[in-house]
């Protein structure tokens, strides 16, 4: 499965102690998956998609602290 999620996180919302966001996809997920999150071509974190449709995005500390 491959899809793109476009999102904006307001400045100051991420930090090294608050580095994870959660999103519920509006489609059925049949297989859990993990991978890398990119800002353009730059890797900025990791994701996991759970069978219940929840996506957890955990940003790398250097990206989260620069938000």
Protein backbone atom coordinates (compact mmCIF):
# COMPACT_ATOMS: atom_id res chain seq x y z
CA UNK A 1 0.00 0.00 0.00
CA UNK A 2 1.23 3.48 -0.75
CA UNK A 3 -0.38 6.82 -0.05
CA UNK A 4 0.55 10.38 0.72
CA UNK A 5 -0.64 12.41 3.68
CA UNK A 6 -0.15 16.15 3.55
CA UNK A 7 -0.24 17.85 6.92
CA UNK A 8 0.92 20.97 8.67
CA UNK A 9 2.06 21.11 12.27
CA UNK A 10 2.01 24.60 13.79
CA UNK A 11 5.38 25.92 14.93
CA UNK A 12 6.30 25.09 18.50
CA UNK A 13 4.01 22.04 18.73
CA UNK A 14 6.82 19.48 18.43
CA UNK A 15 9.75 19.08 20.79
CA UNK A 16 12.11 16.33 21.89
CA UNK A 17 9.58 15.41 24.62
CA UNK A 18 6.50 15.83 22.38
CA UNK A 19 7.64 14.21 19.14
CA UNK A 20 4.71 12.00 18.10
CA UNK A 21 1.45 12.72 16.28
CA UNK A 22 -1.43 10.36 15.63
CA UNK A 23 -3.86 10.25 12.72
CA UNK A 24 -6.82 7.99 11.90
CA UNK A 25 -7.04 7.13 8.21
CA UNK A 26 -10.52 6.96 6.68
CA UNK A 27 -9.84 3.69 4.84
CA UNK A 28 -9.71 0.04 5.85
CA UNK A 29 -6.22 -1.21 6.73
CA UNK A 30 -5.57 -4.91 6.28
CA UNK A 31 -1.86 -5.07 7.06
CA UNK A 32 0.25 -3.24 9.62
CA UNK A 33 3.19 -1.37 8.19
CA UNK A 34 6.17 0.75 9.24
CA UNK A 35 8.41 3.11 7.33
CA UNK A 36 10.11 6.48 7.04
CA UNK A 37 8.40 9.91 7.02
CA UNK A 38 9.83 12.49 4.63
CA UNK A 39 9.67 16.25 4.34
CA UNK A 40 10.30 16.45 0.59
CA UNK A 41 13.27 14.13 0.14
CA UNK A 42 14.58 14.56 3.70
CA UNK A 43 13.79 11.79 6.23
CA UNK A 44 12.28 13.39 9.35
CA UNK A 45 10.87 10.44 11.31
CA UNK A 46 9.18 7.07 11.24
CA UNK A 47 5.61 5.85 11.04
CA UNK A 48 3.58 2.81 11.95
CA UNK A 49 0.16 2.03 10.54
CA UNK A 50 -1.97 -0.22 12.73
CA UNK A 51 -4.83 -2.43 11.54
CA UNK A 52 -7.32 -0.18 13.37
CA UNK A 53 -6.36 2.65 10.96
CA UNK A 54 -4.26 4.64 13.41
CA UNK A 55 -1.00 6.08 12.08
CA UNK A 56 1.63 7.01 14.66
CA UNK A 57 4.28 9.40 13.34
CA UNK A 58 7.38 9.82 15.50
CA UNK A 59 9.71 12.60 14.44
CA UNK A 60 13.47 12.45 14.82
CA UNK A 61 14.71 14.59 17.77
CA UNK A 62 16.61 17.03 15.54
CA UNK A 63 13.50 17.65 13.42
CA UNK A 64 11.13 17.89 16.40
CA UNK A 65 13.37 20.39 18.21
CA UNK A 66 13.65 22.61 15.11
CA UNK A 67 9.85 22.94 14.79
